[in-house]
Amino acid sequence: MADADRNQVHGGKTVYGASVGILMLETRFPRIPGDIGHAATWPFPVLYKVVRGATGERVTTARANDLSTGLLDAFLAAGAELVQDGADGITTSCGFLSIYQSELAAHCRVPVAASALMQIPLVERLLPPRKRVGVLTFSAALLGPDHLVAAGAAPDTPVVGAERGREFWRVMAHGEMTLDIAAARQDILAAGDELVAEHPDVGAVVLECTNMVPFARALRQRLQMPVYDIYSFITWFHAGLSPRGFGLPGDPP
C-alpha cells in the first residue's frame, strides 16, 4: 500500500471512535457501574440514544407482531439515528427486545445484538453433555417463549425471575430513585439459588436483564458456574466491530 493511501481517512459519520450504539429505555431508576446505562461500565466509548416513550412496562409487555403501539417504529428510528451519528453496531438496554432483532438488523443495516439472550445457543454448545443454560430475568411472568425463540434459544429454556425479591424488582418496576445495592445483590443471588435448585441440569446462567450485570461476579461465585450477560455479549460484539491492533508494521492506526 502506498504511503498516500495509508494517510487517507474517510468520512460519512458525525462521531468517530465509538463503534457500539446503545438504544436506551426511558427510565429514571439508578444505574450503577456494570449497568449498561452507566457509561463507565464500558472499556471503550459508546453512543447512547434514549428511545422516548419506551418505558420498561411498555417494552416488557410488547409482542413482536403488535405494530399498533408504535414502539417498534420508535426503536427503528432511533437505531437509524445512531448509525447515522457513527455507530457501527447496535445493542439495546433490555433483553426483552430480542423480539425486534430481525427488524432492527434489517432497518439499521449494521450488525445488531439486541439481547443478551442471543448468547444462549452458543453457551449451550460450550457445556458438557446433558447440561443447559438457565436464564435469570427481570420478570419470568413476562418473558415468554417468543423472546427465547427470537434469540435462537429453546422455548423451554429454564427461566427464573426477580419478582419475589424485596429490592431489585421493586426499584426497577416502579422507577424508584434509590437502590439498596446489598439488598438487590441478595435478590439476584436468591433467584440464582432458585434456578439451580429447580433445574439441576443448568450448567451456566445468562442474565436477560441488563441491570443485573453488576451482580454477575457475585452470582458466579455463589453458583460456581459461568455467568453471561449483556457486558460479556457486547465486549465480544465490539471486538468484531473494532478488532484490537497489535502495532505490527503496516497495521492501520
Protein backbone atom coordinates (compact mmCIF):
# COMPACT_ATOMS: atom_id res chain seq x y z
CA MET A 1 0.00 0.00 0.00
CA ALA A 2 1.34 3.41 -0.91
CA ASP A 3 2.11 5.94 1.84
CA ALA A 4 -0.55 8.27 0.40
CA ASP A 5 -3.20 5.55 0.79
CA ARG A 6 -2.24 4.94 4.42
CA ASN A 7 -2.62 8.64 5.17
CA GLN A 8 -6.18 8.87 3.84
CA VAL A 9 -9.22 8.89 6.10
CA HIS A 10 -12.84 8.56 5.12
CA GLY A 11 -15.88 10.49 6.31
CA GLY A 12 -19.61 9.86 6.42
CA LYS A 13 -20.25 9.99 10.17
CA THR A 14 -20.71 12.69 12.78
CA VAL A 15 -18.98 10.90 15.69
CA TYR A 16 -15.86 8.74 15.38
CA GLY A 17 -14.22 6.23 17.69
CA ALA A 18 -17.41 4.80 19.21
CA SER A 19 -18.40 1.63 17.38
CA VAL A 20 -21.29 0.49 19.60
CA GLY A 21 -24.58 2.37 19.78
CA ILE A 22 -26.94 1.62 22.67
CA LEU A 23 -30.69 2.09 22.46
CA MET A 24 -31.82 3.02 25.96
CA LEU A 25 -35.23 2.64 27.52
CA GLU A 26 -36.61 5.83 29.05
CA THR A 27 -36.09 5.17 32.77
CA ARG A 28 -35.24 7.04 35.96
CA PHE A 29 -34.07 4.35 38.39
CA PRO A 30 -30.39 4.37 39.48
CA ARG A 31 -27.86 2.80 37.12
CA ILE A 32 -24.70 1.73 38.92
CA PRO A 33 -21.32 0.73 37.42
CA GLY A 34 -21.83 -2.51 35.49
CA ASP A 35 -25.27 -1.44 34.28
CA ILE A 36 -25.46 -0.92 30.52
CA GLY A 37 -26.67 2.64 31.08
CA HIS A 38 -23.66 3.66 33.19
CA ALA A 39 -21.08 4.92 30.70
CA ALA A 40 -18.14 3.97 32.93
CA THR A 41 -19.15 0.31 32.57
CA TRP A 42 -17.55 0.12 29.14
CA PRO A 43 -13.82 -0.19 28.41
CA PHE A 44 -14.45 1.54 25.07
CA PRO A 45 -16.51 4.58 24.01
CA VAL A 46 -20.19 4.02 23.26
CA LEU A 47 -23.01 6.12 21.82
CA TYR A 48 -26.33 6.36 23.64
CA LYS A 49 -29.78 7.26 22.39
CA VAL A 50 -32.87 7.25 24.60
CA VAL A 51 -35.98 5.92 22.88
CA ARG A 52 -38.59 8.34 24.20
CA GLY A 53 -41.72 6.66 25.45
CA ALA A 54 -40.07 3.24 25.61
CA THR A 55 -40.72 2.60 29.29
CA GLY A 56 -39.88 -0.66 30.97
CA GLU A 57 -43.56 -1.53 31.24
CA ARG A 58 -44.20 -0.96 27.52
CA VAL A 59 -41.16 -2.93 26.42
CA THR A 60 -41.62 -5.94 28.68
CA THR A 61 -45.24 -6.33 27.61
CA ALA A 62 -44.59 -5.76 23.89
CA ARG A 63 -45.05 -8.55 21.37
CA ALA A 64 -43.29 -8.97 18.04
CA ASN A 65 -46.44 -8.99 15.92
CA ASP A 66 -48.07 -5.99 17.61
CA LEU A 67 -47.30 -2.95 15.45
CA SER A 68 -50.16 -0.82 16.72
CA THR A 69 -48.28 0.70 19.67
CA GLY A 70 -45.63 2.43 17.56
CA LEU A 71 -42.91 1.03 19.83
CA LEU A 72 -41.10 -0.86 17.09
CA ASP A 73 -41.10 2.21 14.84
CA ALA A 74 -39.56 4.26 17.65
CA PHE A 75 -36.72 1.77 18.05
CA LEU A 76 -36.14 1.57 14.31
CA ALA A 77 -35.93 5.35 14.01
CA ALA A 78 -33.60 5.69 16.99
CA GLY A 79 -31.38 2.87 15.73
CA ALA A 80 -31.07 4.51 12.33
CA GLU A 81 -30.09 7.78 14.02
CA LEU A 82 -27.34 6.03 15.98
CA VAL A 83 -25.94 4.58 12.77
CA GLN A 84 -26.11 7.97 11.08
CA ASP A 85 -24.29 9.51 14.03
CA GLY A 86 -21.46 6.96 13.87
CA ALA A 87 -22.36 3.57 15.38
CA ASP A 88 -21.11 0.51 13.51
CA GLY A 89 -23.34 -1.84 15.51
CA ILE A 90 -26.40 -1.57 17.74
CA THR A 91 -27.50 -3.07 21.04
CA THR A 92 -30.32 -2.29 23.48
CA SER A 93 -30.76 -1.88 27.21
CA CYS A 94 -33.41 -4.61 27.61
CA GLY A 95 -33.18 -8.32 26.90
CA PHE A 96 -36.89 -8.45 26.07
CA LEU A 97 -36.05 -6.65 22.83
CA SER A 98 -34.89 -9.91 21.28
CA ILE A 99 -38.29 -9.80 19.55
CA TYR A 100 -37.10 -6.82 17.49
CA GLN A 101 -33.75 -8.31 16.48
CA SER A 102 -34.64 -9.10 12.86
CA GLU A 103 -36.41 -5.79 12.25
CA LEU A 104 -33.59 -3.73 13.77
CA ALA A 105 -30.90 -5.51 11.76
CA ALA A 106 -32.86 -5.13 8.52
CA HIS A 107 -33.67 -1.46 9.11
CA CYS A 108 -30.35 -0.26 10.51
CA ARG A 109 -28.21 -2.28 8.06
CA VAL A 110 -25.46 -2.85 10.60
CA PRO A 111 -24.87 -5.76 12.99
CA VAL A 112 -27.40 -5.78 15.84
CA ALA A 113 -27.07 -7.54 19.20
CA ALA A 114 -30.49 -6.75 20.63
CA SER A 115 -30.47 -9.03 23.66
CA ALA A 116 -28.15 -10.92 26.00
CA LEU A 117 -30.45 -13.90 25.39
CA MET A 118 -28.79 -14.36 22.00
CA GLN A 119 -25.82 -15.92 23.82
CA ILE A 120 -27.87 -18.95 24.91
CA PRO A 121 -27.28 -21.18 21.84
CA LEU A 122 -23.53 -20.54 21.87
CA VAL A 123 -23.15 -21.06 25.62
CA GLU A 124 -25.07 -24.34 25.45
CA ARG A 125 -22.61 -25.62 22.84
CA LEU A 126 -19.81 -24.98 25.33
CA LEU A 127 -21.34 -27.08 28.10
CA PRO A 128 -20.83 -30.76 28.90
CA PRO A 129 -23.48 -33.23 27.70
CA ARG A 130 -26.86 -33.03 29.44
CA LYS A 131 -26.14 -29.53 30.76
CA ARG A 132 -28.06 -26.49 29.57
CA VAL A 133 -28.37 -22.76 30.10
CA GLY A 134 -30.72 -21.22 32.64
CA VAL A 135 -31.94 -17.63 32.47
CA LEU A 136 -32.42 -15.04 35.18
CA THR A 137 -34.82 -12.35 34.07
CA PHE A 138 -36.50 -9.24 35.35
CA SER A 139 -39.85 -11.00 35.14
CA ALA A 140 -40.44 -14.69 34.47
CA ALA A 141 -44.15 -13.93 34.13
CA LEU A 142 -43.47 -11.67 31.15
CA LEU A 143 -40.50 -13.36 29.45
CA GLY A 144 -42.16 -15.80 27.10
CA PRO A 145 -41.19 -18.44 24.55
CA ASP A 146 -41.36 -15.80 21.81
CA HIS A 147 -38.49 -13.86 23.39
CA LEU A 148 -36.40 -17.02 23.67
CA VAL A 149 -37.14 -18.28 20.17
CA ALA A 150 -36.34 -14.87 18.69
CA ALA A 151 -32.92 -15.15 20.36
CA GLY A 152 -32.34 -18.61 18.90
CA ALA A 153 -32.95 -20.40 22.21
CA ALA A 154 -35.21 -23.33 23.00
CA PRO A 155 -38.69 -22.23 24.16
CA ASP A 156 -38.41 -24.49 27.22
CA THR A 157 -35.18 -22.90 28.45
CA PRO A 158 -35.35 -22.71 32.28
CA VAL A 159 -36.25 -19.21 33.43
CA VAL A 160 -36.47 -17.68 36.92
CA GLY A 161 -37.46 -14.07 37.57
CA ALA A 162 -36.59 -11.50 40.19
CA GLU A 163 -40.21 -10.76 41.12
CA ARG A 164 -40.05 -12.39 44.54
CA GLY A 165 -37.12 -10.27 45.70
CA ARG A 166 -37.64 -7.36 48.04
CA GLU A 167 -35.49 -4.70 46.34
CA PHE A 168 -34.26 -5.23 42.77
CA TRP A 169 -37.58 -5.86 41.01
CA ARG A 170 -39.46 -3.22 43.02
CA VAL A 171 -36.96 -0.45 42.20
CA MET A 172 -36.80 -1.30 38.51
CA ALA A 173 -40.52 -1.95 38.06
CA HIS A 174 -41.65 1.23 39.81
CA GLY A 175 -38.82 3.52 38.70
CA GLU A 176 -37.79 4.33 42.25
CA MET A 177 -34.97 6.79 42.85
CA THR A 178 -32.98 4.83 45.44
CA LEU A 179 -31.45 1.36 45.21
CA ASP A 180 -30.05 -0.62 48.13
CA ILE A 181 -27.17 -2.36 46.37
CA ALA A 182 -26.65 -5.03 49.02
CA ALA A 183 -30.35 -5.93 49.06
CA ALA A 184 -30.50 -6.01 45.26
CA ARG A 185 -27.48 -8.31 45.18
CA GLN A 186 -29.18 -10.69 47.59
CA ASP A 187 -32.27 -10.76 45.37
CA ILE A 188 -30.18 -11.85 42.38
CA LEU A 189 -28.34 -14.48 44.42
CA ALA A 190 -31.64 -15.84 45.72
CA ALA A 191 -33.01 -16.05 42.19
CA GLY A 192 -29.87 -17.91 41.14
CA ASP A 193 -30.29 -20.36 44.02
CA GLU A 194 -33.87 -20.96 42.93
CA LEU A 195 -32.83 -21.54 39.33
CA VAL A 196 -30.29 -24.28 40.10
CA ALA A 197 -32.48 -25.87 42.77
CA GLU A 198 -35.41 -26.20 40.36
CA HIS A 199 -33.23 -27.15 37.38
CA PRO A 200 -30.18 -29.17 38.47
CA ASP A 201 -29.16 -29.67 34.83
CA VAL A 202 -28.31 -25.97 34.49
CA GLY A 203 -24.59 -25.57 33.83
CA ALA A 204 -24.40 -21.85 33.02
CA VAL A 205 -26.54 -18.77 33.51
CA VAL A 206 -27.46 -16.00 31.08
CA LEU A 207 -28.78 -12.78 32.58
CA GLU A 208 -31.58 -11.36 30.45
CA CYS A 209 -31.75 -8.15 32.43
CA THR A 210 -29.05 -5.58 31.72
CA ASN A 211 -29.46 -4.16 35.23
CA MET A 212 -28.29 -7.46 36.76
CA VAL A 213 -24.75 -7.19 35.37
CA PRO A 214 -23.25 -5.52 38.48
CA PHE A 215 -24.08 -8.71 40.40
CA ALA A 216 -22.77 -11.24 37.86
CA ARG A 217 -19.47 -11.76 39.66
CA ALA A 218 -21.16 -12.47 42.98
CA LEU A 219 -23.57 -14.84 41.25
CA ARG A 220 -20.74 -16.74 39.59
CA GLN A 221 -19.04 -17.19 42.95
CA ARG A 222 -22.28 -18.28 44.57
CA LEU A 223 -23.30 -20.84 41.93
CA GLN A 224 -19.80 -21.92 40.86
CA MET A 225 -20.76 -21.85 37.19
CA PRO A 226 -20.27 -19.42 34.30
CA VAL A 227 -22.50 -16.34 34.12
CA TYR A 228 -23.03 -14.44 30.86
CA ASP A 229 -24.74 -11.10 30.43
CA ILE A 230 -25.01 -8.07 28.18
CA TYR A 231 -21.50 -6.99 29.18
CA SER A 232 -19.93 -10.26 28.04
CA PHE A 233 -22.01 -10.12 24.85
CA ILE A 234 -21.21 -6.55 23.88
CA THR A 235 -17.49 -6.76 24.66
CA TRP A 236 -17.41 -9.72 22.24
CA PHE A 237 -19.59 -7.79 19.77
CA HIS A 238 -17.29 -4.78 19.94
CA ALA A 239 -14.22 -6.95 19.34
CA GLY A 240 -15.52 -7.67 15.85
CA LEU A 241 -16.55 -4.09 15.11
CA SER A 242 -13.18 -2.73 16.24
CA PRO A 243 -10.55 -5.51 16.40
CA ARG A 244 -7.57 -4.89 18.61
CA GLY A 245 -4.37 -3.81 16.84
CA PHE A 246 -1.01 -5.19 17.87
CA GLY A 247 1.25 -2.48 16.50
CA LEU A 248 2.65 -4.53 13.63
CA PRO A 249 4.36 -2.71 10.74
CA GLY A 250 1.78 -1.69 8.17
CA ASP A 251 -1.19 -2.12 10.55
CA PRO A 252 -3.93 0.53 10.29
CA PRO A 253 -4.00 3.04 13.14
